[in-house]
Every structure is written in C-alpha cells, then in structure tokens.
C-alpha cells in the first residue's frame, strides 16, 4: 500500500467552493484501479489549508493509472483552479509492514 499526501493551499475565500467541488471529484478517484481509500482534512489553524491523503495499491496506480486517465482531466477541471500554490504530491510506504 502506498499513501499519497498533498498539502492543499486554497485561494482565500474559496474553501467552501473547494469542499463542494471535492465532494464531486471524490466520485472520480474512488472508481480508479488500485484506489483503496482517501480522506481530506481541514487545518484548524489555517482556514484555507487542507491535507489530502489517498491510499493506493501501488504508486503506478496513482502516477500512471490515475494521472494519465481521461478521468483525471475531469478531476483537474474540478479542483486545480483552487490551488495557490500548486501542491507538491509525495508518496509514502510503511516501515512497519
């Protein structure tokens, strides 16, 4: 299992619209091959900051399967205009398993 992590800085005043758009976008990601689960957490100290966590079976399921899919184009259209700056995405694997 691979954990994708991205800190999302949303343009000021756009958090409510982002949350609404993400509820739609999550329908896209949850249907992708290799998808396990996801969560989005809102920062308590910074109103327009979130962390996206997505579990994938493999890094290829995210990097190739999702990002090079037609569905990703819809994901981009729904979400990418909210970010400033654009998030850095990193992947993690457990040292315990």
N, C-alpha and C. Protein backbone atom coordinates (compact mmCIF):
# COMPACT_ATOMS: atom_id res chain seq x y z
N UNK A 1 0.84 -1.17 0.00
CA UNK A 1 0.00 0.00 0.00
C UNK A 1 0.89 1.24 0.00
N UNK A 2 0.50 2.21 -0.80
CA UNK A 2 1.19 3.49 -0.91
C UNK A 2 0.24 4.59 -0.43
N UNK A 3 0.77 5.52 0.34
CA UNK A 3 -0.02 6.66 0.78
C UNK A 3 0.43 7.90 0.01
N UNK A 4 -0.48 8.48 -0.72
CA UNK A 4 -0.26 9.76 -1.41
C UNK A 4 -0.64 10.86 -0.43
N UNK A 5 0.20 11.89 -0.35
CA UNK A 5 -0.07 13.01 0.56
C UNK A 5 0.18 14.31 -0.19
N UNK A 6 -0.77 15.24 -0.06
CA UNK A 6 -0.61 16.57 -0.66
C UNK A 6 -1.19 17.61 0.29
N UNK A 7 -0.43 18.66 0.54
CA UNK A 7 -0.93 19.81 1.29
C UNK A 7 -1.58 20.74 0.27
N UNK A 8 -2.84 21.06 0.50
CA UNK A 8 -3.60 21.88 -0.44
C UNK A 8 -3.82 23.26 0.16
N UNK A 9 -3.22 24.27 -0.46
CA UNK A 9 -3.44 25.66 -0.08
C UNK A 9 -4.49 26.21 -1.05
N UNK A 10 -5.65 26.53 -0.51
CA UNK A 10 -6.76 27.00 -1.32
C UNK A 10 -6.75 28.53 -1.33
N UNK A 11 -7.06 29.08 -2.49
CA UNK A 11 -7.10 30.54 -2.61
C UNK A 11 -8.06 31.10 -1.56
N UNK A 12 -7.68 32.21 -0.94
CA UNK A 12 -8.51 32.80 0.11
C UNK A 12 -9.96 33.00 -0.34
N UNK A 13 -10.87 32.60 0.53
CA UNK A 13 -12.29 32.76 0.26
C UNK A 13 -12.89 31.67 -0.60
N UNK A 14 -12.09 30.69 -1.04
CA UNK A 14 -12.57 29.65 -1.95
C UNK A 14 -12.79 28.30 -1.26
N UNK A 15 -12.60 28.24 0.04
CA UNK A 15 -12.67 26.94 0.73
C UNK A 15 -14.03 26.27 0.61
N UNK A 16 -15.08 27.03 0.76
CA UNK A 16 -16.42 26.44 0.66
C UNK A 16 -16.66 25.86 -0.73
N UNK A 17 -16.27 26.58 -1.76
CA UNK A 17 -16.43 26.09 -3.13
C UNK A 17 -15.54 24.88 -3.39
N UNK A 18 -14.32 24.91 -2.82
CA UNK A 18 -13.42 23.76 -2.95
C UNK A 18 -14.04 22.52 -2.33
N UNK A 19 -14.57 22.65 -1.12
CA UNK A 19 -15.16 21.50 -0.44
C UNK A 19 -16.33 20.92 -1.25
N UNK A 20 -17.13 21.77 -1.82
CA UNK A 20 -18.24 21.31 -2.66
C UNK A 20 -17.71 20.59 -3.90
N UNK A 21 -16.71 21.16 -4.54
CA UNK A 21 -16.13 20.54 -5.74
C UNK A 21 -15.45 19.21 -5.40
N UNK A 22 -14.82 19.15 -4.24
CA UNK A 22 -14.15 17.90 -3.87
C UNK A 22 -15.16 16.78 -3.65
N UNK A 23 -16.31 17.10 -3.11
CA UNK A 23 -17.34 16.07 -2.92
C UNK A 23 -17.73 15.46 -4.26
N UNK A 24 -17.70 16.23 -5.31
CA UNK A 24 -17.96 15.72 -6.65
C UNK A 24 -16.74 14.96 -7.18
N UNK A 25 -15.57 15.52 -7.00
CA UNK A 25 -14.33 14.91 -7.52
C UNK A 25 -14.03 13.57 -6.87
N UNK A 26 -14.40 13.39 -5.61
CA UNK A 26 -14.09 12.13 -4.95
C UNK A 26 -14.80 10.95 -5.60
N UNK A 27 -15.90 11.22 -6.29
CA UNK A 27 -16.59 10.16 -7.03
C UNK A 27 -15.70 9.63 -8.17
N UNK A 28 -14.85 10.49 -8.70
CA UNK A 28 -13.95 10.11 -9.78
C UNK A 28 -12.83 9.22 -9.25
N UNK A 29 -12.12 9.70 -8.25
CA UNK A 29 -10.93 8.98 -7.76
C UNK A 29 -11.31 7.62 -7.17
N UNK A 30 -12.46 7.55 -6.54
CA UNK A 30 -12.84 6.31 -5.85
C UNK A 30 -13.17 5.17 -6.81
N UNK A 31 -13.28 5.47 -8.09
CA UNK A 31 -13.56 4.41 -9.08
C UNK A 31 -12.29 3.91 -9.79
N UNK A 32 -11.15 4.49 -9.47
CA UNK A 32 -9.93 4.18 -10.21
C UNK A 32 -9.30 2.87 -9.76
N UNK A 33 -8.67 2.18 -10.70
CA UNK A 33 -7.96 0.93 -10.40
C UNK A 33 -6.88 1.21 -9.35
N UNK A 34 -6.81 0.36 -8.35
CA UNK A 34 -5.79 0.49 -7.32
C UNK A 34 -6.14 1.41 -6.18
N UNK A 35 -7.23 2.14 -6.30
CA UNK A 35 -7.68 3.03 -5.23
C UNK A 35 -8.13 2.18 -4.04
N UNK A 36 -7.71 2.61 -2.83
CA UNK A 36 -8.15 1.93 -1.61
C UNK A 36 -9.10 2.82 -0.81
N UNK A 37 -8.63 4.00 -0.45
CA UNK A 37 -9.46 4.94 0.31
C UNK A 37 -8.81 6.31 0.31
N UNK A 38 -9.55 7.32 0.74
CA UNK A 38 -9.00 8.67 0.82
C UNK A 38 -9.64 9.43 1.98
N UNK A 39 -8.99 10.53 2.32
CA UNK A 39 -9.53 11.46 3.31
C UNK A 39 -8.99 12.84 2.98
N UNK A 40 -9.74 13.84 3.33
CA UNK A 40 -9.30 15.24 3.23
C UNK A 40 -9.52 15.85 4.61
N UNK A 41 -8.46 16.41 5.14
CA UNK A 41 -8.52 17.01 6.48
C UNK A 41 -8.32 18.52 6.37
N UNK A 42 -9.15 19.27 7.06
CA UNK A 42 -9.05 20.73 7.06
C UNK A 42 -8.20 21.18 8.24
N UNK A 43 -7.28 22.07 7.99
CA UNK A 43 -6.41 22.58 9.03
C UNK A 43 -7.22 23.45 10.00
N UNK A 44 -6.98 23.25 11.27
CA UNK A 44 -7.68 24.03 12.30
C UNK A 44 -7.09 25.43 12.41
N UNK A 45 -5.76 25.54 12.29
CA UNK A 45 -5.09 26.84 12.47
C UNK A 45 -5.14 27.72 11.22
N UNK A 46 -5.23 27.13 10.04
CA UNK A 46 -5.24 27.90 8.79
C UNK A 46 -6.48 27.52 7.99
N UNK A 47 -7.40 28.44 7.86
CA UNK A 47 -8.72 28.16 7.28
C UNK A 47 -8.68 27.63 5.85
N UNK A 48 -7.76 28.05 5.05
CA UNK A 48 -7.74 27.66 3.63
C UNK A 48 -6.68 26.61 3.34
N UNK A 49 -6.38 25.77 4.31
CA UNK A 49 -5.35 24.74 4.15
C UNK A 49 -5.94 23.36 4.47
N UNK A 50 -5.62 22.39 3.60
CA UNK A 50 -6.13 21.03 3.75
C UNK A 50 -4.98 20.06 3.49
N UNK A 51 -5.17 18.82 3.94
CA UNK A 51 -4.26 17.76 3.55
C UNK A 51 -5.11 16.66 2.89
N UNK A 52 -4.65 16.22 1.73
CA UNK A 52 -5.29 15.12 1.00
C UNK A 52 -4.45 13.87 1.22
N UNK A 53 -5.10 12.80 1.64
CA UNK A 53 -4.46 11.51 1.83
C UNK A 53 -5.21 10.47 1.00
N UNK A 54 -4.48 9.77 0.13
CA UNK A 54 -5.10 8.74 -0.70
C UNK A 54 -4.25 7.48 -0.59
N UNK A 55 -4.88 6.37 -0.30
CA UNK A 55 -4.19 5.09 -0.28
C UNK A 55 -4.41 4.40 -1.63
N UNK A 56 -3.29 3.95 -2.20
CA UNK A 56 -3.28 3.23 -3.48
C UNK A 56 -2.62 1.88 -3.27
N UNK A 57 -2.98 0.93 -4.09
CA UNK A 57 -2.31 -0.37 -4.04
C UNK A 57 -0.84 -0.24 -4.45
N UNK A 58 -0.57 0.54 -5.52
CA UNK A 58 0.80 0.76 -5.99
C UNK A 58 0.97 2.22 -6.40
N UNK A 59 2.20 2.67 -6.47
CA UNK A 59 2.47 4.03 -6.94
C UNK A 59 2.07 4.19 -8.41
N UNK A 60 2.20 3.12 -9.18
CA UNK A 60 1.80 3.16 -10.59
C UNK A 60 0.31 3.39 -10.75
N UNK A 61 -0.49 2.86 -9.82
CA UNK A 61 -1.94 3.10 -9.89
C UNK A 61 -2.25 4.58 -9.80
N UNK A 62 -1.47 5.32 -9.04
CA UNK A 62 -1.66 6.76 -8.94
C UNK A 62 -0.99 7.49 -10.10
N UNK A 63 0.31 7.27 -10.25
CA UNK A 63 1.11 8.05 -11.21
C UNK A 63 0.73 7.77 -12.67
N UNK A 64 0.44 6.55 -12.99
CA UNK A 64 0.12 6.19 -14.37
C UNK A 64 -1.38 5.99 -14.57
N UNK A 65 -1.94 5.08 -13.79
CA UNK A 65 -3.35 4.75 -13.97
C UNK A 65 -4.29 5.93 -13.80
N UNK A 66 -4.10 6.70 -12.74
CA UNK A 66 -4.99 7.84 -12.48
C UNK A 66 -4.56 9.08 -13.25
N UNK A 67 -3.33 9.48 -13.10
CA UNK A 67 -2.89 10.76 -13.69
C UNK A 67 -2.89 10.77 -15.22
N UNK A 68 -2.84 9.62 -15.84
CA UNK A 68 -2.85 9.58 -17.31
C UNK A 68 -4.20 9.15 -17.87
N UNK A 69 -5.21 9.18 -17.01
CA UNK A 69 -6.55 8.76 -17.42
C UNK A 69 -7.40 9.94 -17.89
N UNK A 70 -8.46 9.61 -18.62
CA UNK A 70 -9.43 10.64 -19.01
C UNK A 70 -10.11 11.22 -17.77
N UNK A 71 -10.34 10.36 -16.78
CA UNK A 71 -10.99 10.81 -15.55
C UNK A 71 -10.18 11.89 -14.84
N UNK A 72 -8.85 11.81 -14.95
CA UNK A 72 -8.00 12.82 -14.32
C UNK A 72 -8.25 14.20 -14.92
N UNK A 73 -8.58 14.27 -16.19
CA UNK A 73 -8.86 15.56 -16.82
C UNK A 73 -10.07 16.23 -16.16
N UNK A 74 -11.06 15.44 -15.82
CA UNK A 74 -12.23 15.97 -15.11
C UNK A 74 -11.86 16.38 -13.69
N UNK A 75 -11.02 15.58 -13.02
CA UNK A 75 -10.50 15.91 -11.68
C UNK A 75 -9.81 17.27 -11.72
N UNK A 76 -8.93 17.45 -12.70
CA UNK A 76 -8.20 18.73 -12.85
C UNK A 76 -9.18 19.89 -13.02
N UNK A 77 -10.16 19.70 -13.88
CA UNK A 77 -11.12 20.76 -14.17
C UNK A 77 -11.90 21.15 -12.90
N UNK A 78 -12.23 20.16 -12.08
CA UNK A 78 -12.98 20.43 -10.86
C UNK A 78 -12.15 21.10 -9.78
N UNK A 79 -10.85 20.76 -9.67
CA UNK A 79 -10.09 21.14 -8.49
C UNK A 79 -8.88 22.04 -8.69
N UNK A 80 -8.16 21.91 -9.78
CA UNK A 80 -6.86 22.55 -9.87
C UNK A 80 -6.88 24.07 -9.82
N UNK A 81 -7.97 24.69 -10.18
CA UNK A 81 -8.03 26.16 -10.15
C UNK A 81 -8.14 26.72 -8.72
N UNK A 82 -8.36 25.86 -7.74
CA UNK A 82 -8.46 26.32 -6.35
C UNK A 82 -7.09 26.49 -5.68
N UNK A 83 -6.04 25.86 -6.21
CA UNK A 83 -4.75 25.78 -5.51
C UNK A 83 -3.85 26.98 -5.76
N UNK A 84 -3.24 27.47 -4.69
CA UNK A 84 -2.22 28.52 -4.81
C UNK A 84 -1.32 28.47 -3.57
N UNK A 85 -0.13 27.93 -3.73
CA UNK A 85 0.49 27.40 -4.95
C UNK A 85 -0.02 25.98 -5.24
N UNK A 86 0.39 25.47 -6.40
CA UNK A 86 0.01 24.11 -6.76
C UNK A 86 0.69 23.15 -5.79
N UNK A 87 -0.03 22.15 -5.30
CA UNK A 87 0.53 21.27 -4.26
C UNK A 87 1.64 20.34 -4.76
N UNK A 88 2.56 20.05 -3.85
CA UNK A 88 3.56 19.03 -4.07
C UNK A 88 2.96 17.73 -3.56
N UNK A 89 2.98 16.70 -4.40
CA UNK A 89 2.44 15.40 -4.03
C UNK A 89 3.60 14.47 -3.71
N UNK A 90 3.51 13.79 -2.57
CA UNK A 90 4.54 12.84 -2.19
C UNK A 90 3.89 11.52 -1.84
N UNK A 91 4.68 10.45 -1.93
CA UNK A 91 4.20 9.10 -1.67
C UNK A 91 4.99 8.48 -0.53
N UNK A 92 4.29 7.70 0.29
CA UNK A 92 4.90 7.09 1.47
C UNK A 92 4.53 5.62 1.52
N UNK A 93 5.43 4.83 2.11
CA UNK A 93 5.14 3.44 2.40
C UNK A 93 5.52 3.15 3.83
N UNK A 94 4.84 2.21 4.43
CA UNK A 94 5.05 1.90 5.84
C UNK A 94 6.39 1.22 6.08
N UNK A 95 7.01 1.58 7.17
CA UNK A 95 8.25 0.90 7.58
C UNK A 95 7.91 -0.24 8.55
N UNK A 96 6.64 -0.39 8.88
CA UNK A 96 6.22 -1.39 9.87
C UNK A 96 5.74 -2.70 9.26
N UNK A 97 5.45 -2.70 7.98
CA UNK A 97 4.93 -3.92 7.37
C UNK A 97 5.97 -4.65 6.57
